[in-house]
C-alpha atoms as a PDB file:
ATOM      1  CA  UNK A   1      -4.615 -19.598 -16.065  1.00  0.00           C
ATOM      2  CA  UNK A   2      -6.837 -18.102 -13.622  1.00  0.00           C
ATOM      3  CA  UNK A   3      -9.306 -21.311 -13.193  1.00  0.00           C
ATOM      4  CA  UNK A   4      -6.179 -23.735 -12.368  1.00  0.00           C
ATOM      5  CA  UNK A   5      -6.388 -22.113  -8.804  1.00  0.00           C
ATOM      6  CA  UNK A   6      -9.769 -20.728  -8.491  1.00  0.00           C
ATOM      7  CA  UNK A   7     -12.953 -21.867  -9.758  1.00  0.00           C
ATOM      8  CA  UNK A   8     -15.541 -19.369 -12.219  1.00  0.00           C
ATOM      9  CA  UNK A   9     -18.050 -20.184  -9.547  1.00  0.00           C
ATOM     10  CA  UNK A  10     -15.684 -19.362  -6.584  1.00  0.00           C
ATOM     11  CA  UNK A  11     -14.675 -16.220  -8.247  1.00  0.00           C
ATOM     12  CA  UNK A  12     -17.870 -15.553  -8.749  1.00  0.00           C
ATOM     13  CA  UNK A  13     -19.107 -15.532  -5.011  1.00  0.00           C
ATOM     14  CA  UNK A  14     -16.008 -13.980  -4.183  1.00  0.00           C
ATOM     15  CA  UNK A  15     -17.132 -10.616  -6.362  1.00  0.00           C
ATOM     16  CA  UNK A  16     -20.647 -10.800  -6.038  1.00  0.00           C
ATOM     17  CA  UNK A  17     -20.531 -11.060 -10.344  1.00  0.00           C
ATOM     18  CA  UNK A  18     -22.269 -13.439 -12.304  1.00  0.00           C
ATOM     19  CA  UNK A  19     -20.849 -16.928 -13.651  1.00  0.00           C
ATOM     20  CA  UNK A  20     -21.231 -15.974 -17.598  1.00  0.00           C
ATOM     21  CA  UNK A  21     -19.767 -12.284 -16.399  1.00  0.00           C
ATOM     22  CA  UNK A  22     -16.764 -13.873 -14.789  1.00  0.00           C
ATOM     23  CA  UNK A  23     -16.298 -16.319 -17.514  1.00  0.00           C
ATOM     24  CA  UNK A  24     -16.305 -13.171 -20.086  1.00  0.00           C
ATOM     25  CA  UNK A  25     -13.707 -11.459 -17.818  1.00  0.00           C
ATOM     26  CA  UNK A  26     -11.411 -14.277 -17.839  1.00  0.00           C
ATOM     27  CA  UNK A  27     -12.012 -14.691 -21.209  1.00  0.00           C
ATOM     28  CA  UNK A  28     -10.698 -11.204 -22.144  1.00  0.00           C
ATOM     29  CA  UNK A  29      -7.816 -11.209 -19.579  1.00  0.00           C
ATOM     30  CA  UNK A  30      -6.165 -14.157 -20.847  1.00  0.00           C
ATOM     31  CA  UNK A  31      -6.804 -13.317 -24.253  1.00  0.00           C
ATOM     32  CA  UNK A  32      -5.068  -9.996 -23.934  1.00  0.00           C
ATOM     33  CA  UNK A  33      -8.144  -7.881 -24.043  1.00  0.00           C
ATOM     34  CA  UNK A  34      -7.232  -6.751 -20.861  1.00  0.00           C
ATOM     35  CA  UNK A  35      -9.019  -3.039 -21.356  1.00  0.00           C
ATOM     36  CA  UNK A  36     -12.091  -4.756 -21.619  1.00  0.00           C
ATOM     37  CA  UNK A  37     -11.746  -6.193 -17.873  1.00  0.00           C
ATOM     38  CA  UNK A  38     -12.440  -4.043 -14.873  1.00  0.00           C
ATOM     39  CA  UNK A  39      -9.971  -3.039 -13.019  1.00  0.00           C
ATOM     40  CA  UNK A  40     -10.302  -4.695  -9.993  1.00  0.00           C
ATOM     41  CA  UNK A  41     -10.737  -7.720 -11.803  1.00  0.00           C
ATOM     42  CA  UNK A  42      -7.416  -7.217 -13.719  1.00  0.00           C
ATOM     43  CA  UNK A  43      -6.108  -6.919  -9.808  1.00  0.00           C
ATOM     44  CA  UNK A  44      -7.967 -10.289  -8.725  1.00  0.00           C
ATOM     45  CA  UNK A  45      -6.467 -11.898 -11.835  1.00  0.00           C
ATOM     46  CA  UNK A  46      -2.963 -10.561 -11.590  1.00  0.00           C
ATOM     47  CA  UNK A  47      -2.860 -11.650  -8.050  1.00  0.00           C
ATOM     48  CA  UNK A  48      -4.077 -15.313  -8.971  1.00  0.00           C
ATOM     49  CA  UNK A  49      -1.457 -15.522 -12.272  1.00  0.00           C
ATOM     50  CA  UNK A  50       1.357 -14.217 -10.045  1.00  0.00           C
ATOM     51  CA  UNK A  51       0.937 -16.662  -7.643  1.00  0.00           C
ATOM     52  CA  UNK A  52      -0.524 -14.873  -4.576  1.00  0.00           C
ATOM     53  CA  UNK A  53      -1.996 -17.313  -1.855  1.00  0.00           C
ATOM     54  CA  UNK A  54      -5.689 -17.882  -1.329  1.00  0.00           C
ATOM     55  CA  UNK A  55      -5.998 -15.484   1.990  1.00  0.00           C
ATOM     56  CA  UNK A  56      -4.608 -12.515  -0.269  1.00  0.00           C
ATOM     57  CA  UNK A  57      -7.058 -13.100  -3.343  1.00  0.00           C
ATOM     58  CA  UNK A  58     -10.061 -13.386  -0.501  1.00  0.00           C
ATOM     59  CA  UNK A  59      -8.316 -10.187   1.275  1.00  0.00           C
ATOM     60  CA  UNK A  60      -8.139  -8.215  -1.945  1.00  0.00           C
ATOM     61  CA  UNK A  61     -11.975  -9.255  -2.694  1.00  0.00           C
ATOM     62  CA  UNK A  62     -13.513  -8.799   0.661  1.00  0.00           C
ATOM     63  CA  UNK A  63     -11.760  -5.360   0.473  1.00  0.00           C
ATOM     64  CA  UNK A  64     -12.733  -4.501  -2.977  1.00  0.00           C
ATOM     65  CA  UNK A  65     -16.261  -6.171  -3.809  1.00  0.00           C
ATOM     66  CA  UNK A  66     -17.808  -6.987  -0.642  1.00  0.00           C
ATOM     67  CA  UNK A  67     -19.133  -3.397   0.191  1.00  0.00           C
ATOM     68  CA  UNK A  68     -19.967  -3.016  -3.069  1.00  0.00           C
ATOM     69  CA  UNK A  69     -22.519  -5.755  -3.724  1.00  0.00           C
ATOM     70  CA  UNK A  70     -24.610  -4.084  -0.600  1.00  0.00           C
ATOM     71  CA  UNK A  71     -24.923  -0.706  -2.532  1.00  0.00           C
ATOM     72  CA  UNK A  72     -24.355   2.709  -0.855  1.00  0.00           C
ATOM     73  CA  UNK A  73     -26.921   2.362   1.790  1.00  0.00           C
ATOM     74  CA  UNK A  74     -27.090   1.795   5.519  1.00  0.00           C
ATOM     75  CA  UNK A  75     -26.047  -2.239   5.010  1.00  0.00           C
ATOM     76  CA  UNK A  76     -22.968  -1.217   2.862  1.00  0.00           C
ATOM     77  CA  UNK A  77     -21.851   0.700   5.675  1.00  0.00           C
ATOM     78  CA  UNK A  78     -22.758  -1.919   8.093  1.00  0.00           C
ATOM     79  CA  UNK A  79     -20.661  -4.722   5.927  1.00  0.00           C
ATOM     80  CA  UNK A  80     -17.701  -1.731   5.664  1.00  0.00           C
ATOM     81  CA  UNK A  81     -17.684  -1.572   9.409  1.00  0.00           C
ATOM     82  CA  UNK A  82     -17.589  -4.970  10.115  1.00  0.00           C
ATOM     83  CA  UNK A  83     -15.285  -5.551   7.486  1.00  0.00           C
ATOM     84  CA  UNK A  84     -13.064  -2.940   8.602  1.00  0.00           C
ATOM     85  CA  UNK A  85     -12.926  -3.819  12.371  1.00  0.00           C
ATOM     86  CA  UNK A  86     -13.336  -7.673  11.634  1.00  0.00           C
ATOM     87  CA  UNK A  87     -10.234  -8.377  14.313  1.00  0.00           C
ATOM     88  CA  UNK A  88     -12.061  -5.885  17.078  1.00  0.00           C
ATOM     89  CA  UNK A  89     -15.169  -7.838  16.648  1.00  0.00           C
ATOM     90  CA  UNK A  90     -16.173 -11.359  17.955  1.00  0.00           C
ATOM     91  CA  UNK A  91     -18.116 -12.286  15.371  1.00  0.00           C
ATOM     92  CA  UNK A  92     -19.643 -15.592  16.786  1.00  0.00           C
ATOM     93  CA  UNK A  93     -21.256 -13.089  19.367  1.00  0.00           C
ATOM     94  CA  UNK A  94     -22.411 -10.399  16.830  1.00  0.00           C
ATOM     95  CA  UNK A  95     -23.708 -13.533  14.812  1.00  0.00           C
ATOM     96  CA  UNK A  96     -25.759 -14.399  17.678  1.00  0.00           C
ATOM     97  CA  UNK A  97     -27.055 -10.887  18.557  1.00  0.00           C
ATOM     98  CA  UNK A  98     -28.224 -10.763  14.955  1.00  0.00           C
ATOM     99  CA  UNK A  99     -30.331 -14.089  14.656  1.00  0.00           C
ATOM    100  CA  UNK A 100     -31.774 -12.922  18.352  1.00  0.00           C
ATOM    101  CA  UNK A 101     -32.933  -9.742  16.772  1.00  0.00           C
ATOM    102  CA  UNK A 102     -33.991 -11.289  13.808  1.00  0.00           C
ATOM    103  CA  UNK A 103     -36.001 -13.477  15.734  1.00  0.00           C
ATOM    104  CA  UNK A 104     -37.431 -10.483  17.796  1.00  0.00           C
ATOM    105  CA  UNK A 105     -38.610  -8.494  14.527  1.00  0.00           C
ATOM    106  CA  UNK A 106     -39.967 -11.583  13.000  1.00  0.00           C
ATOM    107  CA  UNK A 107     -42.363 -11.860  15.578  1.00  0.00           C
ATOM    108  CA  UNK A 108     -43.583  -8.544  15.847  1.00  0.00           C
END
């Protein structure tokens, strides 16, 4: 059972979908109505059902859901760049820079 490993709230946060939507997809998946479940969710549920570790599920969700939560604009591009280069970026330094820039922007 999927919710034995991840809560609906966790899956909602990982995928950017509402809890009712996640409940519906889980219900459809577990009752055999797999065709009713979007492909990316089927893969998440397959990973969970086959015992993938949490980091594998997080990585899949990050790669397949995170950028799409921001649409197709500049923000999505920025999120994609960060996600695809996170091993080359000092995230703490980036966070500090962004906080500083936002504070400047708010003062204007």
